[in-house]
PDB file of N, CA and C in Angstrom:
ATOM      1  N   MET A   1       3.242   4.872  27.177  1.00  0.00           N
ATOM      2  CA  MET A   1       1.791   4.910  27.023  1.00  0.00           C
ATOM      3  C   MET A   1       1.459   5.556  25.685  1.00  0.00           C
ATOM      4  N   PRO A   2       0.597   4.913  24.869  1.00  0.00           N
ATOM      5  CA  PRO A   2       0.268   5.480  23.571  1.00  0.00           C
ATOM      6  C   PRO A   2      -0.516   6.772  23.688  1.00  0.00           C
ATOM      7  N   ASN A   3      -0.416   7.573  22.643  1.00  0.00           N
ATOM      8  CA  ASN A   3      -1.122   8.838  22.595  1.00  0.00           C
ATOM      9  C   ASN A   3      -2.625   8.564  22.535  1.00  0.00           C
ATOM     10  N   SER A   4      -3.418   9.174  23.426  1.00  0.00           N
ATOM     11  CA  SER A   4      -4.836   8.854  23.532  1.00  0.00           C
ATOM     12  C   SER A   4      -5.672   9.452  22.401  1.00  0.00           C
ATOM     13  N   ASN A   5      -5.226  10.582  21.817  1.00  0.00           N
ATOM     14  CA  ASN A   5      -6.014  11.143  20.716  1.00  0.00           C
ATOM     15  C   ASN A   5      -5.566  10.537  19.398  1.00  0.00           C
ATOM     16  N   SER A   6      -6.238  10.888  18.323  1.00  0.00           N
ATOM     17  CA  SER A   6      -5.972  10.259  17.032  1.00  0.00           C
ATOM     18  C   SER A   6      -4.763  10.840  16.308  1.00  0.00           C
ATOM     19  N   GLN A   7      -4.167  11.901  16.829  1.00  0.00           N
ATOM     20  CA  GLN A   7      -3.006  12.518  16.183  1.00  0.00           C
ATOM     21  C   GLN A   7      -1.742  11.730  16.517  1.00  0.00           C
ATOM     22  N   PRO A   8      -0.877  11.453  15.514  1.00  0.00           N
ATOM     23  CA  PRO A   8       0.381  10.776  15.810  1.00  0.00           C
ATOM     24  C   PRO A   8       1.334  11.719  16.537  1.00  0.00           C
ATOM     25  N   ALA A   9       2.315  11.156  17.189  1.00  0.00           N
ATOM     26  CA  ALA A   9       3.319  11.958  17.887  1.00  0.00           C
ATOM     27  C   ALA A   9       4.069  12.803  16.865  1.00  0.00           C
ATOM     28  N   PRO A  10       4.572  13.990  17.260  1.00  0.00           N
ATOM     29  CA  PRO A  10       5.262  14.871  16.302  1.00  0.00           C
ATOM     30  C   PRO A  10       6.439  14.201  15.604  1.00  0.00           C
ATOM     31  N   ASP A  11       7.243  13.421  16.344  1.00  0.00           N
ATOM     32  CA  ASP A  11       8.373  12.763  15.706  1.00  0.00           C
ATOM     33  C   ASP A  11       7.918  11.685  14.737  1.00  0.00           C
ATOM     34  N   GLN A  12       6.821  11.024  15.054  1.00  0.00           N
ATOM     35  CA  GLN A  12       6.269  10.008  14.154  1.00  0.00           C
ATOM     36  C   GLN A  12       5.720  10.668  12.896  1.00  0.00           C
ATOM     37  N   ALA A  13       5.078  11.814  13.035  1.00  0.00           N
ATOM     38  CA  ALA A  13       4.544  12.537  11.879  1.00  0.00           C
ATOM     39  C   ALA A  13       5.676  12.973  10.959  1.00  0.00           C
ATOM     40  N   ARG A  14       6.779  13.445  11.537  1.00  0.00           N
ATOM     41  CA  ARG A  14       7.937  13.840  10.724  1.00  0.00           C
ATOM     42  C   ARG A  14       8.511  12.638   9.992  1.00  0.00           C
ATOM     43  N   ALA A  15       8.543  11.481  10.665  1.00  0.00           N
ATOM     44  CA  ALA A  15       9.058  10.264  10.035  1.00  0.00           C
ATOM     45  C   ALA A  15       8.175   9.864   8.851  1.00  0.00           C
ATOM     46  N   PHE A  16       6.861   9.980   9.024  1.00  0.00           N
ATOM     47  CA  PHE A  16       5.943   9.659   7.928  1.00  0.00           C
ATOM     48  C   PHE A  16       6.136  10.620   6.755  1.00  0.00           C
ATOM     49  N   GLU A  17       6.290  11.904   7.056  1.00  0.00           N
ATOM     50  CA  GLU A  17       6.497  12.892   5.996  1.00  0.00           C
ATOM     51  C   GLU A  17       7.789  12.616   5.243  1.00  0.00           C
ATOM     52  N   LYS A  18       8.852  12.269   5.968  1.00  0.00           N
ATOM     53  CA  LYS A  18      10.131  11.965   5.335  1.00  0.00           C
ATOM     54  C   LYS A  18      10.005  10.731   4.445  1.00  0.00           C
ATOM     55  N   ALA A  19       9.334   9.692   4.940  1.00  0.00           N
ATOM     56  CA  ALA A  19       9.144   8.474   4.155  1.00  0.00           C
ATOM     57  C   ALA A  19       8.344   8.763   2.889  1.00  0.00           C
ATOM     58  N   GLU A  20       7.319   9.602   3.017  1.00  0.00           N
ATOM     59  CA  GLU A  20       6.500   9.960   1.858  1.00  0.00           C
ATOM     60  C   GLU A  20       7.323  10.723   0.826  1.00  0.00           C
ATOM     61  N   MET A  21       8.134  11.661   1.293  1.00  0.00           N
ATOM     62  CA  MET A  21       8.982  12.420   0.369  1.00  0.00           C
ATOM     63  C   MET A  21      10.018  11.525  -0.291  1.00  0.00           C
ATOM     64  N   ASP A  22      10.572  10.575   0.448  1.00  0.00           N
ATOM     65  CA  ASP A  22      11.532   9.633  -0.132  1.00  0.00           C
ATOM     66  C   ASP A  22      10.883   8.804  -1.236  1.00  0.00           C
ATOM     67  N   LEU A  23       9.650   8.367  -0.994  1.00  0.00           N
ATOM     68  CA  LEU A  23       8.944   7.596  -2.024  1.00  0.00           C
ATOM     69  C   LEU A  23       8.665   8.452  -3.252  1.00  0.00           C
ATOM     70  N   LEU A  24       8.287   9.704  -3.050  1.00  0.00           N
ATOM     71  CA  LEU A  24       8.029  10.586  -4.185  1.00  0.00           C
ATOM     72  C   LEU A  24       9.300  10.833  -4.992  1.00  0.00           C
ATOM     73  N   ARG A  25      10.412  11.071  -4.310  1.00  0.00           N
ATOM     74  CA  ARG A  25      11.686  11.279  -5.012  1.00  0.00           C
ATOM     75  C   ARG A  25      12.084  10.032  -5.796  1.00  0.00           C
ATOM     76  N   GLU A  26      11.885   8.879  -5.197  1.00  0.00           N
ATOM     77  CA  GLU A  26      12.234   7.630  -5.878  1.00  0.00           C
ATOM     78  C   GLU A  26      11.372   7.425  -7.114  1.00  0.00           C
ATOM     79  N   SER A  27      10.093   7.745  -7.009  1.00  0.00           N
ATOM     80  CA  SER A  27       9.200   7.559  -8.149  1.00  0.00           C
ATOM     81  C   SER A  27       9.537   8.514  -9.292  1.00  0.00           C
ATOM     82  N   LEU A  28      10.047   9.700  -8.966  1.00  0.00           N
ATOM     83  CA  LEU A  28      10.415  10.642 -10.017  1.00  0.00           C
ATOM     84  C   LEU A  28      11.649  10.185 -10.787  1.00  0.00           C
ATOM     85  N   ARG A  29      12.455   9.325 -10.191  1.00  0.00           N
ATOM     86  CA  ARG A  29      13.639   8.811 -10.871  1.00  0.00           C
ATOM     87  C   ARG A  29      13.305   7.727 -11.894  1.00  0.00           C
ATOM     88  N   ARG A  30      12.120   7.199 -11.843  1.00  0.00           N
ATOM     89  CA  ARG A  30      11.738   6.097 -12.736  1.00  0.00           C
ATOM     90  C   ARG A  30      11.425   6.622 -14.135  1.00  0.00           C
ATOM     91  N   SER A  31      11.685   5.774 -15.117  1.00  0.00           N
ATOM     92  CA  SER A  31      11.394   6.146 -16.496  1.00  0.00           C
ATOM     93  C   SER A  31       9.894   5.996 -16.759  1.00  0.00           C
ATOM     94  N   TYR A  32       9.454   6.532 -17.879  1.00  0.00           N
ATOM     95  CA  TYR A  32       8.042   6.413 -18.238  1.00  0.00           C
ATOM     96  C   TYR A  32       7.651   4.957 -18.433  1.00  0.00           C
ATOM     97  N   LYS A  33       8.565   4.160 -18.988  1.00  0.00           N
ATOM     98  CA  LYS A  33       8.265   2.741 -19.196  1.00  0.00           C
ATOM     99  C   LYS A  33       8.080   2.040 -17.855  1.00  0.00           C
ATOM    100  N   GLU A  34       8.952   2.323 -16.890  1.00  0.00           N
ATOM    101  CA  GLU A  34       8.826   1.707 -15.571  1.00  0.00           C
ATOM    102  C   GLU A  34       7.518   2.127 -14.904  1.00  0.00           C
ATOM    103  N   ARG A  35       7.161   3.392 -15.046  1.00  0.00           N
ATOM    104  CA  ARG A  35       5.891   3.871 -14.472  1.00  0.00           C
ATOM    105  C   ARG A  35       4.707   3.168 -15.126  1.00  0.00           C
ATOM    106  N   PHE A  36       4.756   3.023 -16.452  1.00  0.00           N
ATOM    107  CA  PHE A  36       3.673   2.362 -17.178  1.00  0.00           C
ATOM    108  C   PHE A  36       3.547   0.906 -16.741  1.00  0.00           C
ATOM    109  N   LEU A  37       4.684   0.207 -16.644  1.00  0.00           N
ATOM    110  CA  LEU A  37       4.639  -1.197 -16.242  1.00  0.00           C
ATOM    111  C   LEU A  37       4.092  -1.355 -14.832  1.00  0.00           C
ATOM    112  N   MET A  38       4.469  -0.456 -13.929  1.00  0.00           N
ATOM    113  CA  MET A  38       3.959  -0.520 -12.561  1.00  0.00           C
ATOM    114  C   MET A  38       2.456  -0.232 -12.537  1.00  0.00           C
ATOM    115  N   ALA A  39       2.031   0.752 -13.306  1.00  0.00           N
ATOM    116  CA  ALA A  39       0.606   1.096 -13.330  1.00  0.00           C
ATOM    117  C   ALA A  39      -0.220  -0.061 -13.897  1.00  0.00           C
ATOM    118  N   THR A  40       0.267  -0.700 -14.966  1.00  0.00           N
ATOM    119  CA  THR A  40      -0.483  -1.821 -15.532  1.00  0.00           C
ATOM    120  C   THR A  40      -0.510  -2.998 -14.569  1.00  0.00           C
ATOM    121  N   ARG A  41       0.586  -3.218 -13.851  1.00  0.00           N
ATOM    122  CA  ARG A  41       0.614  -4.300 -12.868  1.00  0.00           C
ATOM    123  C   ARG A  41      -0.410  -4.048 -11.764  1.00  0.00           C
ATOM    124  N   LEU A  42      -0.438  -2.809 -11.250  1.00  0.00           N
ATOM    125  CA  LEU A  42      -1.409  -2.474 -10.205  1.00  0.00           C
ATOM    126  C   LEU A  42      -2.840  -2.582 -10.716  1.00  0.00           C
ATOM    127  N   TYR A  43      -3.058  -2.186 -11.976  1.00  0.00           N
ATOM    128  CA  TYR A  43      -4.397  -2.281 -12.562  1.00  0.00           C
ATOM    129  C   TYR A  43      -4.831  -3.739 -12.661  1.00  0.00           C
ATOM    130  N   LYS A  44      -3.929  -4.604 -13.096  1.00  0.00           N
ATOM    131  CA  LYS A  44      -4.266  -6.027 -13.206  1.00  0.00           C
ATOM    132  C   LYS A  44      -4.582  -6.627 -11.842  1.00  0.00           C
ATOM    133  N   ILE A  45      -3.800  -6.234 -10.832  1.00  0.00           N
ATOM    134  CA  ILE A  45      -4.062  -6.721  -9.475  1.00  0.00           C
ATOM    135  C   ILE A  45      -5.425  -6.229  -9.001  1.00  0.00           C
ATOM    136  N   GLN A  46      -5.725  -4.959  -9.269  1.00  0.00           N
ATOM    137  CA  GLN A  46      -7.014  -4.396  -8.852  1.00  0.00           C
ATOM    138  C   GLN A  46      -8.160  -5.119  -9.542  1.00  0.00           C
ATOM    139  N   GLN A  47      -8.021  -5.414 -10.829  1.00  0.00           N
ATOM    140  CA  GLN A  47      -9.068  -6.129 -11.564  1.00  0.00           C
ATOM    141  C   GLN A  47      -9.266  -7.527 -10.985  1.00  0.00           C
ATOM    142  N   THR A  48      -8.170  -8.214 -10.686  1.00  0.00           N
ATOM    143  CA  THR A  48      -8.259  -9.555 -10.120  1.00  0.00           C
ATOM    144  C   THR A  48      -8.943  -9.523  -8.758  1.00  0.00           C
ATOM    145  N   MET A  49      -8.559  -8.562  -7.936  1.00  0.00           N
ATOM    146  CA  MET A  49      -9.144  -8.483  -6.603  1.00  0.00           C
ATOM    147  C   MET A  49     -10.620  -8.099  -6.646  1.00  0.00           C
ATOM    148  N   SER A  50     -11.010  -7.285  -7.617  1.00  0.00           N
ATOM    149  CA  SER A  50     -12.421  -6.899  -7.692  1.00  0.00           C
ATOM    150  C   SER A  50     -13.296  -8.072  -8.141  1.00  0.00           C
ATOM    151  N   LYS A  51     -12.715  -9.024  -8.871  1.00  0.00           N
ATOM    152  CA  LYS A  51     -13.462 -10.196  -9.319  1.00  0.00           C
ATOM    153  C   LYS A  51     -13.423 -11.336  -8.312  1.00  0.00           C
ATOM    154  N   ALA A  52     -12.576 -11.220  -7.309  1.00  0.00           N
ATOM    155  CA  ALA A  52     -12.391 -12.302  -6.343  1.00  0.00           C
ATOM    156  C   ALA A  52     -13.629 -12.496  -5.492  1.00  0.00           C
ATOM    157  N   VAL A  53     -13.902 -13.736  -5.189  1.00  0.00           N
ATOM    158  CA  VAL A  53     -15.009 -14.094  -4.320  1.00  0.00           C
ATOM    159  C   VAL A  53     -14.439 -14.908  -3.168  1.00  0.00           C
ATOM    160  N   ILE A  54     -14.765 -14.497  -1.969  1.00  0.00           N
ATOM    161  CA  ILE A  54     -14.278 -15.220  -0.798  1.00  0.00           C
ATOM    162  C   ILE A  54     -15.331 -16.243  -0.407  1.00  0.00           C
ATOM    163  N   THR A  55     -14.907 -17.498  -0.398  1.00  0.00           N
ATOM    164  CA  THR A  55     -15.811 -18.561   0.033  1.00  0.00           C
ATOM    165  C   THR A  55     -15.193 -19.232   1.240  1.00  0.00           C
ATOM    166  N   ARG A  56     -16.039 -19.744   2.080  1.00  0.00           N
ATOM    167  CA  ARG A  56     -15.550 -20.389   3.295  1.00  0.00           C
ATOM    168  C   ARG A  56     -16.024 -21.821   3.301  1.00  0.00           C
ATOM    169  N   LYS A  57     -15.057 -22.713   3.448  1.00  0.00           N
ATOM    170  CA  LYS A  57     -15.396 -24.117   3.603  1.00  0.00           C
ATOM    171  C   LYS A  57     -15.112 -24.491   5.055  1.00  0.00           C
ATOM    172  N   PRO A  58     -16.077 -25.044   5.731  1.00  0.00           N
ATOM    173  CA  PRO A  58     -15.829 -25.384   7.124  1.00  0.00           C
ATOM    174  C   PRO A  58     -14.750 -26.464   7.239  1.00  0.00           C
ATOM    175  N   TYR A  59     -13.900 -26.323   8.235  1.00  0.00           N
ATOM    176  CA  TYR A  59     -12.844 -27.291   8.471  1.00  0.00           C
ATOM    177  C   TYR A  59     -13.438 -28.550   9.069  1.00  0.00           C
ATOM    178  N   ILE A  60     -13.172 -29.670   8.441  1.00  0.00           N
ATOM    179  CA  ILE A  60     -13.683 -30.946   8.947  1.00  0.00           C
ATOM    180  C   ILE A  60     -12.482 -31.760   9.420  1.00  0.00           C
ATOM    181  N   SER A  61     -12.441 -32.041  10.702  1.00  0.00           N
ATOM    182  CA  SER A  61     -11.323 -32.829  11.220  1.00  0.00           C
ATOM    183  C   SER A  61     -11.576 -34.307  10.939  1.00  0.00           C
ATOM    184  N   LYS A  62     -10.522 -35.009  10.598  1.00  0.00           N
ATOM    185  CA  LYS A  62     -10.672 -36.428  10.260  1.00  0.00           C
ATOM    186  C   LYS A  62     -10.188 -37.288  11.375  1.00  0.00           C
TER     187      LYS A  62
END
């Protein structure tokens, strides 16, 4: 049965903390060039997504 309140289970919280620390350690191993390239890639994706317009065309069965 899932936990009824909004707090995650203690073991799940520890798993999240470990995953977060692993990601931080991995990011510290990257060079400045790799960090710059990743940041520019994320910026370009963010710019593209902010300009995106969602349109809906109704499905017409033939």
